[in-house]
């Protein structure tokens, strides 16, 4: 009975992640440290991408950001963890400066970079289509599936960090399910 319950929970997780929000267009950006981030390259490597489009002046964005949830995901499942996902912070306001991200100017709530190890992109010429990745403004957190480049979860309308966490945990469950099946197959 326990096995049936586990299989049922896993199936629900897979069904939850099957909803699609459209194909994510490819982009190639450079983070504030000079490192390149190519969306389709990461997806082609089999890694889901969590793209957080935010604005340094938004209290709602900072409230989410200050929970350190993306950092926890990045530490556990990013390049220094299990290397299963990628997290990218994209500053969606072209007027934001590096000083805003560092919390040392007037167009910001706080220091956004301190204590975070995932990449931050801040461009004066916005390179990604915000009409796709920040459809309802900021904050916008999208999860992009590697198998077909589909945006499978759009938590832009989430009313709490807890909701965003639930969506992300669902993604990670699927990663763990994939690990289990790979182990069983091998």
Protein backbone atom coordinates (compact mmCIF):
# COMPACT_ATOMS: atom_id res chain seq x y z
CA UNK A 1 0.00 0.00 0.00
CA UNK A 2 2.86 2.36 0.82
CA UNK A 3 4.40 1.76 -2.62
CA UNK A 4 1.08 2.57 -4.30
CA UNK A 5 0.84 5.82 -2.33
CA UNK A 6 4.39 6.78 -3.32
CA UNK A 7 3.71 6.00 -6.99
CA UNK A 8 0.49 8.01 -6.85
CA UNK A 9 2.30 11.00 -5.31
CA UNK A 10 4.98 10.77 -7.99
CA UNK A 11 2.39 10.64 -10.76
CA UNK A 12 0.65 13.73 -9.35
CA UNK A 13 3.98 15.51 -9.33
CA UNK A 14 4.60 14.62 -12.97
CA UNK A 15 1.10 15.72 -13.96
CA UNK A 16 1.60 19.02 -12.13
CA UNK A 17 4.74 19.68 -14.13
CA UNK A 18 3.17 18.83 -17.46
CA UNK A 19 1.32 22.16 -17.77
CA UNK A 20 2.99 24.42 -20.30
CA UNK A 21 3.14 28.21 -20.50
CA UNK A 22 4.81 28.42 -23.90
CA UNK A 23 8.26 27.93 -25.28
CA UNK A 24 11.00 30.00 -23.69
CA UNK A 25 12.94 31.93 -26.32
CA UNK A 26 16.69 31.44 -26.24
CA UNK A 27 18.95 34.13 -24.87
CA UNK A 28 22.61 34.63 -24.08
CA UNK A 29 23.49 37.16 -21.39
CA UNK A 30 26.51 38.11 -19.30
CA UNK A 31 26.28 38.30 -15.52
CA UNK A 32 27.79 41.03 -13.34
CA UNK A 33 30.95 38.93 -12.91
CA UNK A 34 31.50 38.66 -16.68
CA UNK A 35 30.28 35.06 -17.02
CA UNK A 36 28.10 34.09 -19.97
CA UNK A 37 24.74 32.38 -19.46
CA UNK A 38 23.17 30.74 -22.52
CA UNK A 39 19.65 29.47 -21.79
CA UNK A 40 19.43 26.70 -24.39
CA UNK A 41 22.95 25.49 -23.57
CA UNK A 42 21.89 24.91 -19.96
CA UNK A 43 18.62 23.30 -21.02
CA UNK A 44 20.38 21.08 -23.58
CA UNK A 45 22.59 19.84 -20.72
CA UNK A 46 19.40 18.55 -19.08
CA UNK A 47 19.17 21.19 -16.38
CA UNK A 48 15.92 23.04 -15.62
CA UNK A 49 16.41 26.79 -15.29
CA UNK A 50 14.76 28.93 -12.64
CA UNK A 51 14.67 32.46 -14.00
CA UNK A 52 13.87 35.20 -11.50
CA UNK A 53 13.11 38.57 -13.12
CA UNK A 54 13.02 41.24 -10.45
CA UNK A 55 13.52 44.95 -9.83
CA UNK A 56 15.68 46.39 -7.04
CA UNK A 57 13.05 49.02 -6.18
CA UNK A 58 10.25 46.48 -5.64
CA UNK A 59 9.42 45.62 -2.03
CA UNK A 60 7.56 42.49 -3.15
CA UNK A 61 10.65 41.34 -5.08
CA UNK A 62 12.93 41.96 -2.13
CA UNK A 63 10.56 40.19 0.24
CA UNK A 64 10.84 37.06 -1.91
CA UNK A 65 14.56 37.51 -2.49
CA UNK A 66 15.26 38.01 1.22
CA UNK A 67 13.93 34.51 1.98
CA UNK A 68 17.15 33.08 0.46
CA UNK A 69 15.11 30.30 -1.11
CA UNK A 70 16.75 30.62 -4.52
CA UNK A 71 20.15 30.54 -2.84
CA UNK A 72 19.22 27.35 -0.99
CA UNK A 73 18.12 25.75 -4.27
CA UNK A 74 21.30 26.90 -6.00
CA UNK A 75 23.53 25.62 -3.21
CA UNK A 76 21.84 22.22 -3.04
CA UNK A 77 21.11 21.60 -6.73
CA UNK A 78 23.31 24.05 -8.65
CA UNK A 79 26.92 23.65 -9.86
CA UNK A 80 28.40 23.27 -6.37
CA UNK A 81 25.64 20.87 -5.25
CA UNK A 82 24.16 18.06 -7.35
CA UNK A 83 24.49 20.13 -10.57
CA UNK A 84 20.86 19.48 -11.55
CA UNK A 85 19.46 23.00 -11.98
CA UNK A 86 20.47 26.55 -12.80
CA UNK A 87 19.20 29.70 -11.14
CA UNK A 88 19.49 33.08 -12.84
CA UNK A 89 18.56 36.48 -11.40
CA UNK A 90 17.70 38.98 -14.12
CA UNK A 91 17.27 42.64 -13.18
CA UNK A 92 14.34 43.71 -15.31
CA UNK A 93 14.75 47.48 -14.99
CA UNK A 94 17.24 48.85 -17.51
CA UNK A 95 17.85 51.89 -15.27
CA UNK A 96 19.22 49.76 -12.43
CA UNK A 97 22.95 50.05 -11.82
CA UNK A 98 25.43 47.72 -10.15
CA UNK A 99 25.30 50.11 -7.19
CA UNK A 100 21.56 49.49 -6.91
CA UNK A 101 22.19 45.74 -6.81
CA UNK A 102 24.81 46.32 -4.13
CA UNK A 103 22.39 48.47 -2.12
CA UNK A 104 24.56 51.59 -2.24
CA UNK A 105 22.31 53.93 -4.23
CA UNK A 106 18.80 55.32 -4.11
CA UNK A 107 17.00 53.00 -6.58
CA UNK A 108 17.06 49.96 -4.32
CA UNK A 109 15.62 48.38 -1.21
CA UNK A 110 18.80 46.67 0.04
CA UNK A 111 21.93 44.82 -1.06
CA UNK A 112 20.70 42.11 -3.41
CA UNK A 113 24.01 40.38 -4.07
CA UNK A 114 25.38 39.82 -0.55
CA UNK A 115 25.08 36.20 0.52
CA UNK A 116 24.02 35.00 -2.94
CA UNK A 117 26.19 32.87 -5.20
CA UNK A 118 23.92 32.40 -8.21
CA UNK A 119 24.46 34.67 -11.24
CA UNK A 120 22.99 38.17 -11.44
CA UNK A 121 22.40 39.85 -14.78
CA UNK A 122 22.00 43.63 -14.95
CA UNK A 123 21.85 45.10 -18.44
CA UNK A 124 21.20 48.65 -19.59
CA UNK A 125 19.87 47.16 -22.82
CA UNK A 126 17.40 44.45 -21.79
CA UNK A 127 18.27 41.31 -23.78
CA UNK A 128 15.49 38.95 -22.75
CA UNK A 129 11.87 39.38 -23.81
CA UNK A 130 10.16 40.61 -20.65
CA UNK A 131 6.79 40.10 -22.37
CA UNK A 132 7.55 36.37 -22.05
CA UNK A 133 9.57 36.19 -18.84
CA UNK A 134 7.87 38.94 -16.78
CA UNK A 135 4.40 38.98 -18.26
CA UNK A 136 2.75 40.53 -15.23
CA UNK A 137 5.60 42.64 -13.94
CA UNK A 138 7.89 41.93 -11.03
CA UNK A 139 8.61 39.63 -9.35
CA UNK A 140 8.44 36.94 -11.98
CA UNK A 141 9.86 33.50 -11.37
CA UNK A 142 9.66 31.01 -14.22
CA UNK A 143 10.81 27.39 -14.32
CA UNK A 144 11.87 26.19 -17.76
CA UNK A 145 11.88 22.49 -18.60
CA UNK A 146 14.98 21.20 -20.42
CA UNK A 147 13.37 18.54 -22.60
CA UNK A 148 11.37 20.95 -24.77
CA UNK A 149 12.26 24.49 -23.56
CA UNK A 150 8.76 24.96 -22.18
CA UNK A 151 7.97 27.33 -19.33
CA UNK A 152 6.24 24.83 -17.09
CA UNK A 153 5.65 26.94 -14.05
CA UNK A 154 4.90 30.62 -13.87
CA UNK A 155 4.75 31.82 -10.31
CA UNK A 156 4.41 35.50 -11.19
CA UNK A 157 0.98 35.58 -9.57
CA UNK A 158 2.02 33.73 -6.43
CA UNK A 159 0.77 35.50 -3.35
CA UNK A 160 3.57 34.34 -1.11
CA UNK A 161 7.07 33.02 -1.08
CA UNK A 162 5.55 29.79 0.22
CA UNK A 163 3.68 29.32 -3.04
CA UNK A 164 6.85 29.80 -5.06
CA UNK A 165 8.60 27.33 -2.77
CA UNK A 166 5.89 24.71 -3.38
CA UNK A 167 6.32 25.00 -7.16
CA UNK A 168 10.09 24.72 -6.87
CA UNK A 169 9.87 21.74 -4.53
CA UNK A 170 7.60 20.06 -7.10
CA UNK A 171 10.31 20.57 -9.70
CA UNK A 172 12.92 19.10 -7.39
CA UNK A 173 10.71 16.09 -6.67
CA UNK A 174 10.67 15.37 -10.38
CA UNK A 175 14.45 15.60 -10.42
CA UNK A 176 14.62 13.10 -7.57
CA UNK A 177 12.14 10.82 -9.35
CA UNK A 178 14.37 10.97 -12.43
CA UNK A 179 17.37 10.05 -10.25
CA UNK A 180 15.50 7.06 -8.81
CA UNK A 181 14.56 5.76 -12.23
CA UNK A 182 18.09 6.22 -13.51
CA UNK A 183 19.42 4.23 -10.56
CA UNK A 184 16.85 1.50 -11.14
CA UNK A 185 17.67 1.35 -14.86
CA UNK A 186 21.43 1.24 -14.28
